[in-house]
Amino acid sequence: MSNRKVYKIYEVNRHKFYQVPKQLFTSSYYRDLSSNAKLLYGILLDRLELSKKNNWVNDKGEVFLILRREEVQDLLCISGKTATKTFKELKSKKLIYEERQGLNKPNIIFVGKINYKRSEKSGTARNRNFYGSGTGNSTGQEPEKLRPSNTDLNNTYKEEEEGHQQKNSENFSKQTAKLFFQVFERQIKNYEIKQLLAYNLPDKVIQKAIELTGRYNGDTFAYIRRILDNWTKQGINTLQEVKDIINKHEQFKQGQEYVSPERELEELYKAGYR
């Protein structure tokens, strides 16, 4: 029997992550950054959120953070020389700005935004060179068919330029968006709002699905949809009906041996909230 400890289909990845923007890898302007520089930028973005919570802002409203070179050496397992070089790389792309505080004090770091216009322009130029410019040496319609629209990059640019501020639909309540943020620790995205609204269920029912997802550690948007799909198939469309099936499940669960939250959520799916 295998003793491998690997993820099963009903288990949820509970790790915390550093988010490294995709453009650092796909844009020709940023691609020449070293792996250390790209990862450091993700770490700085993570620290930026902590600075916001601590209200570390200057008189211009700019958020700053402090991250010593020694700490970067330890996090990335690199030498002091390499750490200094890594910071210089980010400075050269205007992804960080540093201000000195004085003798023996660490620098204040401001995280620069990715230049999506430059990223988009360089990406488009790269695609044009690869697929053909469409003039002179064009071989007819084939290059035109193959040339990508770079839709993903364009959509990402629009999202990031708006600072990921969600323009919630008028039909999507602020209470539901707030609950989503509490469970997932991020703002709900516009396409996710559209998918939830497509169920035509009351806010309280959608909120209950989000709440159950958080309770059973199913912290992915797909879990919410699975719950709502299950309820829709059973013709459940009121909060009272939801409470009834949850109560039935609780009664069924009494006397059963302990199972993990992830397994219990999977059992709920299989049993159709018995």
Protein backbone atom coordinates (compact mmCIF):
# COMPACT_ATOMS: atom_id res chain seq x y z
CA MET A 1 0.00 0.00 0.00
CA SER A 2 1.36 3.40 -0.96
CA ASN A 3 2.46 5.75 1.84
CA ARG A 4 2.71 8.77 -0.44
CA LYS A 5 1.30 11.96 1.04
CA VAL A 6 -0.17 13.61 -2.02
CA TYR A 7 -3.30 15.68 -2.63
CA LYS A 8 -6.57 13.84 -3.19
CA ILE A 9 -9.43 15.16 -5.32
CA TYR A 10 -11.49 16.25 -2.32
CA GLU A 11 -8.65 17.99 -0.52
CA VAL A 12 -7.95 21.69 -0.76
CA ASN A 13 -4.57 23.35 -1.05
CA ARG A 14 -4.29 25.44 2.10
CA HIS A 15 -0.84 26.87 1.47
CA LYS A 16 -0.22 30.59 1.45
CA PHE A 17 1.37 31.96 -1.70
CA TYR A 18 3.55 34.78 -2.95
CA GLN A 19 1.86 36.25 -6.01
CA VAL A 20 4.28 37.00 -8.83
CA PRO A 21 2.69 38.95 -11.71
CA LYS A 22 2.50 37.03 -14.98
CA GLN A 23 3.84 39.99 -16.96
CA LEU A 24 7.29 39.53 -15.40
CA PHE A 25 7.50 36.31 -17.43
CA THR A 26 5.50 37.11 -20.56
CA SER A 27 6.55 40.69 -21.31
CA SER A 28 9.78 41.16 -23.27
CA TYR A 29 10.40 44.30 -21.19
CA TYR A 30 10.51 42.37 -17.91
CA ARG A 31 11.56 38.90 -19.04
CA ASP A 32 15.27 39.64 -18.69
CA LEU A 33 14.86 40.07 -14.93
CA SER A 34 16.48 37.25 -13.00
CA SER A 35 14.36 34.68 -11.20
CA ASN A 36 15.53 36.18 -7.91
CA ALA A 37 14.29 39.63 -8.96
CA LYS A 38 10.89 38.32 -10.04
CA LEU A 39 10.44 36.39 -6.81
CA LEU A 40 11.59 39.35 -4.74
CA TYR A 41 8.95 41.53 -6.41
CA GLY A 42 6.30 39.00 -5.35
CA ILE A 43 7.64 39.09 -1.78
CA LEU A 44 7.54 42.89 -1.78
CA LEU A 45 3.92 42.86 -2.97
CA ASP A 46 3.10 40.52 -0.10
CA ARG A 47 4.81 42.82 2.42
CA LEU A 48 2.93 45.74 0.92
CA GLU A 49 -0.34 44.32 2.21
CA LEU A 50 1.10 44.18 5.73
CA SER A 51 2.20 47.80 5.42
CA LYS A 52 -1.35 48.79 4.45
CA LYS A 53 -2.71 47.11 7.58
CA ASN A 54 -0.10 48.92 9.69
CA ASN A 55 -0.89 52.21 7.91
CA TRP A 56 2.70 52.72 6.82
CA VAL A 57 2.10 55.60 4.42
CA ASN A 58 3.84 58.90 3.78
CA ASP A 59 2.17 62.30 3.55
CA LYS A 60 1.43 61.64 -0.15
CA GLY A 61 -0.54 58.51 0.66
CA GLU A 62 2.19 56.26 -0.77
CA VAL A 63 2.57 52.92 1.00
CA PHE A 64 6.11 51.94 2.02
CA LEU A 65 7.80 48.97 3.62
CA ILE A 66 11.10 47.98 5.17
CA LEU A 67 12.93 44.86 4.05
CA ARG A 68 16.59 44.56 4.97
CA ARG A 69 19.10 43.06 2.55
CA GLU A 70 19.98 40.45 5.18
CA GLU A 71 16.38 39.28 5.29
CA VAL A 72 16.30 38.94 1.50
CA GLN A 73 19.51 36.89 1.64
CA ASP A 74 17.86 34.53 4.10
CA LEU A 75 14.54 34.28 2.21
CA LEU A 76 16.10 33.61 -1.21
CA CYS A 77 19.23 31.81 0.05
CA ILE A 78 21.52 34.19 -1.82
CA SER A 79 24.69 36.12 -1.00
CA GLY A 80 24.82 39.77 -0.02
CA LYS A 81 26.30 40.64 -3.42
CA THR A 82 23.47 38.86 -5.22
CA ALA A 83 20.87 40.55 -3.00
CA THR A 84 22.26 43.97 -3.89
CA LYS A 85 22.25 43.04 -7.60
CA THR A 86 18.63 41.85 -7.31
CA PHE A 87 17.48 45.17 -5.84
CA LYS A 88 19.31 47.01 -8.63
CA GLU A 89 17.44 44.96 -11.23
CA LEU A 90 14.07 46.01 -9.82
CA LYS A 91 15.23 49.64 -9.62
CA SER A 92 16.28 49.57 -13.28
CA LYS A 93 12.70 48.64 -14.25
CA LYS A 94 11.22 51.15 -11.80
CA LEU A 95 9.58 48.36 -9.84
CA ILE A 96 10.98 49.71 -6.56
CA TYR A 97 12.09 53.07 -5.27
CA GLU A 98 14.23 53.45 -2.16
CA GLU A 99 14.69 56.36 0.22
CA ARG A 100 17.49 56.55 2.78
CA GLN A 101 16.57 57.12 6.42
CA GLY A 102 20.01 57.90 7.74
CA LEU A 103 23.09 56.24 9.19
CA ASN A 104 22.62 52.57 10.21
CA LYS A 105 18.91 52.69 9.37
CA PRO A 106 17.32 50.51 6.68
CA ASN A 107 16.04 52.12 3.51
CA ILE A 108 12.34 52.75 3.01
CA ILE A 109 11.05 50.86 -0.01
CA PHE A 110 8.18 51.93 -2.27
CA VAL A 111 6.89 49.28 -4.66
CA GLY A 112 6.45 50.49 -8.23
CA LYS A 113 3.57 49.39 -10.44
CA ILE A 114 4.11 47.26 -13.52
CA ASN A 115 3.99 49.34 -16.68
CA TYR A 116 1.25 47.47 -18.51
CA LYS A 117 1.26 49.82 -21.51
CA ARG A 118 4.92 49.14 -22.12
CA SER A 119 4.37 45.45 -21.38
CA GLU A 120 1.48 45.30 -23.83
CA LYS A 121 3.39 47.17 -26.53
CA SER A 122 6.46 44.96 -26.27
CA GLY A 123 4.32 41.82 -26.23
CA THR A 124 2.45 42.92 -29.34
CA ALA A 125 5.71 43.73 -31.14
CA ARG A 126 7.10 40.31 -30.26
CA ASN A 127 4.01 38.58 -31.66
CA ARG A 128 4.15 40.67 -34.82
CA ASN A 129 7.79 39.71 -35.42
CA PHE A 130 7.02 36.04 -34.89
CA TYR A 131 3.87 35.77 -36.99
CA GLY A 132 4.71 38.32 -39.65
CA SER A 133 4.17 42.07 -39.82
CA GLY A 134 1.28 41.82 -42.27
CA THR A 135 3.11 43.88 -44.88
CA GLY A 136 5.60 43.07 -47.61
CA ASN A 137 6.50 39.47 -46.75
CA SER A 138 2.99 38.41 -45.82
CA THR A 139 1.99 35.06 -47.35
CA GLY A 140 -1.74 35.76 -47.55
CA GLN A 141 -4.36 34.91 -44.99
CA GLU A 142 -2.49 32.25 -43.01
CA PRO A 143 -0.34 34.61 -40.89
CA GLU A 144 -3.47 36.62 -40.14
CA LYS A 145 -5.22 33.52 -38.84
CA LEU A 146 -2.26 32.55 -36.67
CA ARG A 147 -1.57 35.96 -35.19
CA PRO A 148 -2.77 36.02 -31.55
CA SER A 149 -4.92 38.83 -30.21
CA ASN A 150 -3.03 38.91 -26.88
CA THR A 151 -6.45 39.04 -25.20
CA ASP A 152 -5.17 37.73 -21.87
CA LEU A 153 -2.60 40.50 -21.64
CA ASN A 154 -5.11 43.18 -22.61
CA ASN A 155 -7.65 42.00 -20.03
CA THR A 156 -4.98 41.80 -17.33
CA TYR A 157 -3.85 45.31 -18.14
CA LYS A 158 -7.36 46.66 -17.73
CA GLU A 159 -7.81 44.81 -14.42
CA GLU A 160 -4.51 45.95 -12.97
CA GLU A 161 -4.87 49.54 -14.12
CA GLU A 162 -8.10 49.73 -12.17
CA GLY A 163 -6.27 48.45 -9.13
CA HIS A 164 -8.50 45.37 -9.10
CA GLN A 165 -11.31 47.48 -7.73
CA GLN A 166 -14.44 45.51 -8.43
CA LYS A 167 -17.35 47.30 -10.02
CA ASN A 168 -19.98 45.09 -8.48
CA SER A 169 -23.25 44.72 -10.30
CA GLU A 170 -26.13 46.66 -8.81
CA ASN A 171 -27.83 43.32 -8.24
CA PHE A 172 -24.92 41.96 -6.21
CA SER A 173 -25.12 43.05 -2.59
CA LYS A 174 -22.26 44.62 -0.68
CA GLN A 175 -22.90 42.14 2.15
CA THR A 176 -22.23 39.22 -0.21
CA ALA A 177 -19.06 40.84 -1.56
CA LYS A 178 -17.89 41.50 2.01
CA LEU A 179 -18.53 37.89 3.05
CA PHE A 180 -16.65 36.66 -0.03
CA PHE A 181 -13.68 38.83 0.96
CA GLN A 182 -13.73 37.45 4.52
CA VAL A 183 -13.65 33.85 3.26
CA PHE A 184 -11.23 34.21 0.34
CA GLU A 185 -9.18 37.22 1.55
CA ARG A 186 -9.55 38.90 -1.85
CA GLN A 187 -12.10 40.94 -3.76
CA ILE A 188 -14.59 39.03 -5.86
CA LYS A 189 -13.99 39.41 -9.60
CA ASN A 190 -16.53 40.63 -12.12
CA TYR A 191 -16.78 37.32 -13.99
CA GLU A 192 -17.39 35.53 -10.67
CA ILE A 193 -20.22 37.94 -9.84
CA LYS A 194 -21.82 37.22 -13.23
CA GLN A 195 -21.59 33.49 -12.63
CA LEU A 196 -23.21 33.76 -9.19
CA LEU A 197 -25.96 36.06 -10.44
CA ALA A 198 -26.73 33.58 -13.23
CA TYR A 199 -28.18 31.20 -10.62
CA ASN A 200 -30.99 33.72 -9.94
CA LEU A 201 -30.92 32.84 -6.25
CA PRO A 202 -31.53 35.19 -3.29
CA ASP A 203 -28.49 36.89 -1.75
CA LYS A 204 -28.98 34.94 1.48
CA VAL A 205 -28.72 31.62 -0.37
CA ILE A 206 -25.52 32.66 -2.16
CA GLN A 207 -24.13 33.93 1.13
CA LYS A 208 -24.87 30.58 2.75
CA ALA A 209 -22.96 28.78 -0.01
CA ILE A 210 -19.98 31.08 0.56
CA GLU A 211 -20.24 30.56 4.32
CA LEU A 212 -20.30 26.75 3.95
CA THR A 213 -17.30 26.92 1.64
CA GLY A 214 -15.32 28.77 4.30
CA ARG A 215 -16.53 26.51 7.11
CA TYR A 216 -15.37 23.35 5.39
CA ASN A 217 -12.07 24.80 4.14
CA GLY A 218 -13.20 24.62 0.53
CA ASP A 219 -11.67 27.98 -0.25
CA THR A 220 -11.97 27.96 -4.03
CA PHE A 221 -14.67 29.59 -6.12
CA ALA A 222 -15.39 26.21 -7.72
CA TYR A 223 -16.66 24.90 -4.37
CA ILE A 224 -19.28 27.64 -4.20
CA ARG A 225 -20.50 26.72 -7.67
CA ARG A 226 -20.65 23.03 -6.82
CA ILE A 227 -22.84 23.80 -3.81
CA LEU A 228 -25.14 26.05 -5.84
CA ASP A 229 -25.29 23.53 -8.68
CA ASN A 230 -26.32 20.88 -6.18
CA TRP A 231 -29.04 23.06 -4.69
CA THR A 232 -30.32 24.06 -8.12
CA LYS A 233 -30.67 20.43 -9.19
CA GLN A 234 -32.73 19.75 -6.06
CA GLY A 235 -34.94 22.76 -6.71
CA ILE A 236 -33.72 24.54 -3.58
CA ASN A 237 -34.05 28.31 -3.91
CA THR A 238 -34.86 29.71 -0.47
CA LEU A 239 -32.80 30.17 2.67
CA GLN A 240 -35.24 28.06 4.70
CA GLU A 241 -34.84 25.14 2.29
CA VAL A 242 -31.09 25.47 2.61
CA LYS A 243 -31.34 25.42 6.41
CA ASP A 244 -33.56 22.33 6.25
CA ILE A 245 -31.05 20.28 4.25
CA ILE A 246 -28.19 21.43 6.48
CA ASN A 247 -30.16 20.35 9.55
CA LYS A 248 -30.81 16.97 7.93
CA HIS A 249 -27.11 16.59 7.32
CA GLU A 250 -26.27 17.51 10.91
CA GLN A 251 -28.70 14.87 12.14
CA PHE A 252 -27.21 12.31 9.79
CA LYS A 253 -23.69 13.20 10.96
CA GLN A 254 -24.46 12.55 14.64
CA GLY A 255 -22.91 9.33 15.77
CA GLN A 256 -20.54 9.18 12.79
CA GLU A 257 -16.78 9.01 13.38
CA TYR A 258 -14.75 12.18 12.83
CA VAL A 259 -13.79 13.13 9.31
CA SER A 260 -11.73 16.08 8.15
CA PRO A 261 -13.51 19.29 7.06
CA GLU A 262 -12.38 18.68 3.48
CA ARG A 263 -13.76 15.11 3.51
CA GLU A 264 -17.01 16.29 5.11
CA LEU A 265 -17.53 18.83 2.36
CA GLU A 266 -16.96 16.13 -0.23
CA GLU A 267 -19.48 13.89 1.54
CA LEU A 268 -21.97 16.74 1.48
CA TYR A 269 -21.60 16.91 -2.30
CA LYS A 270 -21.96 13.17 -2.78
CA ALA A 271 -24.96 12.93 -0.48
CA GLY A 272 -26.67 15.93 -1.99
CA TYR A 273 -26.87 17.44 1.50
CA ARG A 274 -28.88 14.36 2.53
